[in-house]
């Protein structure tokens, strides 16, 4: 998969969960081992994305962490508040 595919997957999962889907933004940063996807949503929607006891965030991460990129980097998802 490519970086664009992963971004689209994250958007497809997160946008139906939030009240303001237009506020969902993803920025990427690359280091030696990881491609970091920094997800930001509106302040009111942070709790919806994280969920009770972090269950929704963990479920999203489980899906995303199983992806192998074309450049052999691992994927990391950070929820920025």
N, C-alpha and C. Protein backbone atom coordinates (compact mmCIF):
# COMPACT_ATOMS: atom_id res chain seq x y z
N UNK A 1 0.83 -1.18 0.00
CA UNK A 1 0.00 0.00 0.00
C UNK A 1 0.87 1.24 0.00
N UNK A 2 0.30 2.31 -0.45
CA UNK A 2 1.01 3.58 -0.46
C UNK A 2 0.52 4.47 0.67
N UNK A 3 1.22 5.56 0.88
CA UNK A 3 0.85 6.52 1.92
C UNK A 3 -0.55 7.08 1.67
N UNK A 4 -0.88 7.35 0.42
CA UNK A 4 -2.19 7.87 0.07
C UNK A 4 -3.30 6.86 0.39
N UNK A 5 -3.04 5.59 0.15
CA UNK A 5 -4.02 4.55 0.46
C UNK A 5 -4.31 4.48 1.96
N UNK A 6 -3.26 4.60 2.76
CA UNK A 6 -3.41 4.54 4.21
C UNK A 6 -4.20 5.76 4.70
N UNK A 7 -3.88 6.94 4.16
CA UNK A 7 -4.62 8.15 4.53
C UNK A 7 -6.10 7.98 4.23
N UNK A 8 -6.41 7.46 3.04
CA UNK A 8 -7.80 7.28 2.65
C UNK A 8 -8.49 6.26 3.56
N UNK A 9 -7.80 5.21 3.94
CA UNK A 9 -8.36 4.21 4.85
C UNK A 9 -8.70 4.84 6.19
N UNK A 10 -7.78 5.63 6.74
CA UNK A 10 -8.02 6.28 8.03
C UNK A 10 -9.21 7.23 7.93
N UNK A 11 -9.27 8.01 6.86
CA UNK A 11 -10.40 8.93 6.68
C UNK A 11 -11.71 8.17 6.56
N UNK A 12 -11.70 7.06 5.84
CA UNK A 12 -12.91 6.25 5.67
C UNK A 12 -13.41 5.71 7.01
N UNK A 13 -12.50 5.38 7.90
CA UNK A 13 -12.88 4.85 9.21
C UNK A 13 -13.34 5.97 10.14
N UNK A 14 -12.63 7.09 10.15
CA UNK A 14 -12.85 8.13 11.16
C UNK A 14 -14.01 9.06 10.83
N UNK A 15 -14.17 9.45 9.58
CA UNK A 15 -15.19 10.45 9.24
C UNK A 15 -16.60 10.07 9.65
N UNK A 16 -17.05 8.82 9.52
CA UNK A 16 -18.40 8.49 9.99
C UNK A 16 -18.55 8.54 11.51
N UNK A 17 -17.45 8.50 12.25
CA UNK A 17 -17.51 8.50 13.71
C UNK A 17 -17.72 9.90 14.31
N UNK A 18 -17.32 10.93 13.57
CA UNK A 18 -17.29 12.28 14.13
C UNK A 18 -18.49 13.10 13.70
N UNK A 19 -18.78 14.16 14.47
CA UNK A 19 -19.88 15.05 14.15
C UNK A 19 -19.49 16.06 13.07
N UNK A 20 -18.20 16.38 13.00
CA UNK A 20 -17.71 17.35 12.02
C UNK A 20 -16.66 16.69 11.13
N UNK A 21 -17.08 15.94 10.10
CA UNK A 21 -16.11 15.22 9.26
C UNK A 21 -15.19 16.13 8.45
N UNK A 22 -15.60 17.38 8.23
CA UNK A 22 -14.75 18.30 7.48
C UNK A 22 -13.53 18.75 8.28
N UNK A 23 -13.57 18.58 9.60
CA UNK A 23 -12.47 18.98 10.47
C UNK A 23 -11.39 17.91 10.60
N UNK A 24 -11.59 16.74 10.03
CA UNK A 24 -10.62 15.65 10.12
C UNK A 24 -9.45 15.94 9.20
N UNK A 25 -8.26 15.96 9.78
CA UNK A 25 -7.04 16.22 9.00
C UNK A 25 -5.97 15.21 9.39
N UNK A 26 -5.18 14.83 8.40
CA UNK A 26 -4.09 13.88 8.64
C UNK A 26 -2.81 14.46 8.07
N UNK A 27 -1.79 14.54 8.91
CA UNK A 27 -0.46 14.95 8.48
C UNK A 27 0.48 13.77 8.66
N UNK A 28 1.49 13.68 7.80
CA UNK A 28 2.43 12.57 7.91
C UNK A 28 3.83 13.08 8.20
N UNK A 29 4.54 12.28 8.96
CA UNK A 29 5.96 12.52 9.25
C UNK A 29 6.68 11.19 9.10
N UNK A 30 7.86 11.23 8.55
CA UNK A 30 8.61 10.00 8.37
C UNK A 30 9.90 10.07 9.16
N UNK A 31 10.21 8.98 9.86
CA UNK A 31 11.51 8.85 10.50
C UNK A 31 12.17 7.58 9.99
N UNK A 32 13.16 7.08 10.68
CA UNK A 32 13.94 5.94 10.18
C UNK A 32 13.12 4.67 10.03
N UNK A 33 12.20 4.41 10.95
CA UNK A 33 11.48 3.15 10.97
C UNK A 33 9.97 3.27 10.76
N UNK A 34 9.41 4.47 10.98
CA UNK A 34 7.97 4.63 10.97
C UNK A 34 7.52 5.73 10.02
N UNK A 35 6.32 5.57 9.51
CA UNK A 35 5.60 6.64 8.84
C UNK A 35 4.47 7.01 9.79
N UNK A 36 4.58 8.17 10.43
CA UNK A 36 3.63 8.60 11.45
C UNK A 36 2.47 9.35 10.80
N UNK A 37 1.26 8.92 11.09
CA UNK A 37 0.07 9.60 10.64
C UNK A 37 -0.51 10.31 11.85
N UNK A 38 -0.50 11.65 11.83
CA UNK A 38 -1.01 12.45 12.93
C UNK A 38 -2.43 12.88 12.59
N UNK A 39 -3.39 12.31 13.29
CA UNK A 39 -4.80 12.54 13.06
C UNK A 39 -5.28 13.64 13.99
N UNK A 40 -5.90 14.68 13.42
CA UNK A 40 -6.49 15.73 14.25
C UNK A 40 -7.96 15.88 13.88
N UNK A 41 -8.78 16.00 14.91
CA UNK A 41 -10.22 16.21 14.75
C UNK A 41 -10.60 17.39 15.63
N UNK A 42 -11.85 17.85 15.52
CA UNK A 42 -12.29 18.97 16.35
C UNK A 42 -12.30 18.54 17.82
N UNK A 43 -12.24 19.52 18.71
CA UNK A 43 -12.17 19.22 20.15
C UNK A 43 -13.35 18.40 20.63
N UNK A 44 -14.52 18.65 20.05
CA UNK A 44 -15.72 17.92 20.47
C UNK A 44 -15.68 16.46 20.04
N UNK A 45 -14.91 16.15 19.01
CA UNK A 45 -14.89 14.80 18.45
C UNK A 45 -13.75 13.93 18.95
N UNK A 46 -12.84 14.48 19.74
CA UNK A 46 -11.69 13.70 20.22
C UNK A 46 -12.17 12.49 21.03
N UNK A 47 -13.15 12.69 21.88
CA UNK A 47 -13.68 11.59 22.69
C UNK A 47 -14.34 10.52 21.85
N UNK A 48 -14.97 10.91 20.75
CA UNK A 48 -15.61 9.93 19.88
C UNK A 48 -14.58 9.05 19.17
N UNK A 49 -13.46 9.64 18.82
CA UNK A 49 -12.43 8.88 18.12
C UNK A 49 -11.67 7.97 19.10
N UNK A 50 -11.46 8.44 20.32
CA UNK A 50 -10.74 7.64 21.30
C UNK A 50 -11.66 6.56 21.88
N UNK A 51 -12.89 6.92 22.22
CA UNK A 51 -13.83 5.95 22.76
C UNK A 51 -13.61 5.67 24.23
N UNK A 52 -14.52 4.92 24.83
CA UNK A 52 -14.39 4.58 26.25
C UNK A 52 -13.19 3.66 26.44
N UNK A 53 -12.35 4.06 27.36
CA UNK A 53 -11.13 3.30 27.69
C UNK A 53 -10.22 3.12 26.48
N UNK A 54 -10.35 3.99 25.47
CA UNK A 54 -9.48 3.93 24.30
C UNK A 54 -9.78 2.79 23.35
N UNK A 55 -10.95 2.22 23.43
CA UNK A 55 -11.25 1.03 22.63
C UNK A 55 -11.37 1.34 21.14
N UNK A 56 -11.99 2.46 20.79
CA UNK A 56 -12.14 2.78 19.37
C UNK A 56 -10.78 3.10 18.77
N UNK A 57 -9.98 3.90 19.48
CA UNK A 57 -8.64 4.22 18.99
C UNK A 57 -7.81 2.96 18.81
N UNK A 58 -7.91 2.04 19.75
CA UNK A 58 -7.15 0.80 19.66
C UNK A 58 -7.61 -0.05 18.47
N UNK A 59 -8.92 -0.07 18.23
CA UNK A 59 -9.44 -0.83 17.09
C UNK A 59 -8.95 -0.24 15.77
N UNK A 60 -8.93 1.09 15.68
CA UNK A 60 -8.41 1.73 14.46
C UNK A 60 -6.94 1.42 14.29
N UNK A 61 -6.19 1.50 15.38
CA UNK A 61 -4.75 1.21 15.31
C UNK A 61 -4.50 -0.24 14.92
N UNK A 62 -5.30 -1.18 15.41
CA UNK A 62 -5.13 -2.59 15.04
C UNK A 62 -5.27 -2.77 13.54
N UNK A 63 -6.20 -2.09 12.94
CA UNK A 63 -6.39 -2.18 11.49
C UNK A 63 -5.20 -1.57 10.76
N UNK A 64 -4.83 -0.37 11.18
CA UNK A 64 -3.78 0.39 10.47
C UNK A 64 -2.41 -0.24 10.67
N UNK A 65 -2.13 -0.77 11.85
CA UNK A 65 -0.81 -1.33 12.11
C UNK A 65 -0.55 -2.62 11.33
N UNK A 66 -1.57 -3.23 10.83
CA UNK A 66 -1.40 -4.44 10.02
C UNK A 66 -0.98 -4.17 8.60
N UNK A 67 -0.90 -2.91 8.22
CA UNK A 67 -0.57 -2.53 6.85
C UNK A 67 0.94 -2.50 6.67
N UNK A 68 1.40 -3.04 5.57
CA UNK A 68 2.81 -2.93 5.19
C UNK A 68 2.91 -2.00 4.00
N UNK A 69 3.73 -0.99 4.14
CA UNK A 69 3.90 -0.02 3.07
C UNK A 69 4.90 -0.52 2.04
N UNK A 70 4.85 0.09 0.86
CA UNK A 70 5.75 -0.29 -0.22
C UNK A 70 7.22 -0.06 0.12
N UNK A 71 7.49 0.94 0.98
CA UNK A 71 8.88 1.27 1.31
C UNK A 71 9.35 0.59 2.60
N UNK A 72 8.62 -0.44 3.06
CA UNK A 72 8.97 -1.25 4.24
C UNK A 72 9.00 -0.47 5.55
N UNK A 73 8.37 0.69 5.62
CA UNK A 73 8.23 1.39 6.89
C UNK A 73 7.00 0.88 7.61
N UNK A 74 7.02 0.95 8.92
CA UNK A 74 5.86 0.59 9.72
C UNK A 74 4.98 1.82 9.88
N UNK A 75 3.70 1.59 10.09
CA UNK A 75 2.73 2.67 10.23
C UNK A 75 2.47 2.93 11.71
N UNK A 76 2.40 4.20 12.07
CA UNK A 76 2.06 4.59 13.45
C UNK A 76 0.98 5.65 13.36
N UNK A 77 -0.08 5.50 14.15
CA UNK A 77 -1.19 6.46 14.17
C UNK A 77 -1.19 7.21 15.49
N UNK A 78 -1.10 8.54 15.42
CA UNK A 78 -1.14 9.39 16.61
C UNK A 78 -2.40 10.25 16.53
N UNK A 79 -3.15 10.30 17.61
CA UNK A 79 -4.33 11.15 17.67
C UNK A 79 -3.93 12.43 18.40
N UNK A 80 -3.95 13.53 17.67
CA UNK A 80 -3.50 14.82 18.20
C UNK A 80 -4.71 15.58 18.71
N UNK A 81 -4.64 16.06 19.95
CA UNK A 81 -5.76 16.85 20.46
C UNK A 81 -5.40 18.29 20.65
